[in-house]
């Protein structure tokens, strides 16, 4: 079904926070995101045709209308304000309309604002009052769900109703806070561009005109008082700034690696990670890769590198830590600890109710995040899935690797994921089914039995010599030279040195 474009009408400057909250709500609620697109005129691309009232041309391409009224009427455009013109056109187009009034009474409103409200009453509309953007979100969601059902025959399932409701109730105020003294120039433009490209690749989403407007449309920025300037939210700052912990110190990841089973005063490795969340995940994975073992195993003709822990499980545990942690807890940081027998990833804050470690371990739960904008952005970047299957996939990856299921626990204000390793018994690790090496089936078909044994010995011992080949196979030097030349031609080995002292090792670059 075609996406329903919902025009958001209000005095832009006065209700900018509420406009951003509506965009964030629709972008993070799974049901609304699938069926709706918030349309805010300030983020629309400029028209290619002249128009005295371009905002009305935008409204004509929408299928629903939301009006928010506070105290300001807005600058007049002829005899009426832009908002008043929008309301009248929505009535003329007979668009399904929702009206929200900010404040508990109308006494302080100007005469023109009261006239707009009276006009809506006389047209037969009822309205809903709200106090701030947090109060607006659940009311607007309920109204949108009802409108989609009655006007467009779109019905949210009971699971989608519960999932979105939990999301609204649990949403943290931290990620939606506005950094008014900071501009979008503080963000890493390459990361923002990557996010924009991910949105553009989804054909179901209408890509806004610019990257700044993309952030605005996804609840990651608000429009500043200056023309065409925007302020990032805290979520955008964590996701896209190069060193977010310079402003929010509790957003660092503290990584430590120990030789034994317990914390000691002398870790073998330490790292304080202060980077945009997508890059912080990669730094954490590299730290783990650098401080865990990678045994080698001969598979067919290939000597392959194995990992002590499966990367999918590590990535899932880390992305859940940064996406779902309690950012309002400024006293704690994410802790990554590597021991000789396990890895612990501790994230501030316990799972949101009704989730528990037992339910998360079992799987099949409805996903819920206290940071829905951060979680949705990471999902758009293909760094996580929001299907409630993360811990189940983590468990499967561990078992497929030959290891035990992860352990989930609540401890001292942290949600702790423990991944148990082989503890030195690397025979437990299963060889991945997709393991590959330099010797493809096509190359193997070109090798004789001597060449196969030569390449296995090279991987096992590090090198071979022509003398070793002659004594092992009992063949003439000319035969050995042909075998070695064939392996060199296939790009599998390379000579080190010349003459009788030459050694043949695995080719380092192919």
Foldseek 3Di string as FASTA:
>chain_A
DAAAEEEEFEQCVVAQLLLLLVLQLQLQQVQSVLRYFYDYPLQADDDPDDDLLVVLVVLVPGQAYEYEYEADQADDSPPGHNRLVSVVVCVVVVHHYAYEYEDDDCVRHDPNSVVSVVVCVVVPDDYHYAHHNLRVSVVVVVVVQVCCCPPVVDHDDPLSVVLSVLQSVLADPQQLAWPQVDWPVQFAVVQLVLLLVLQVVPPSHDRTDDSVSVCSSNSQWTADPDPPTIIGGLLRLQATGAFSCVVQVQAKEWEFEQEADDDDPDTPDIDIDGGRLVVSLVVVLVVQQVRFAWAWDDDQLDTDTHGQADPLLSLLLSVCQNFAADSVPSPHHWYWYHHLWKIKTWHAAADDPPDHQVDLQVWPDQFYGNHSSNVSSCVSSVSDDRGRCSLVVSQVRQVLQQFHRWGWDDDPRITMIMGTTPSPPNVSGDDDPPDDDLCDPVNVVVADPLLSVQSSVQVVVVWDFLVVSCVVPVDDSVVSVVSVVSCVVSQQWDWDDDDRPIIIHGRPDD
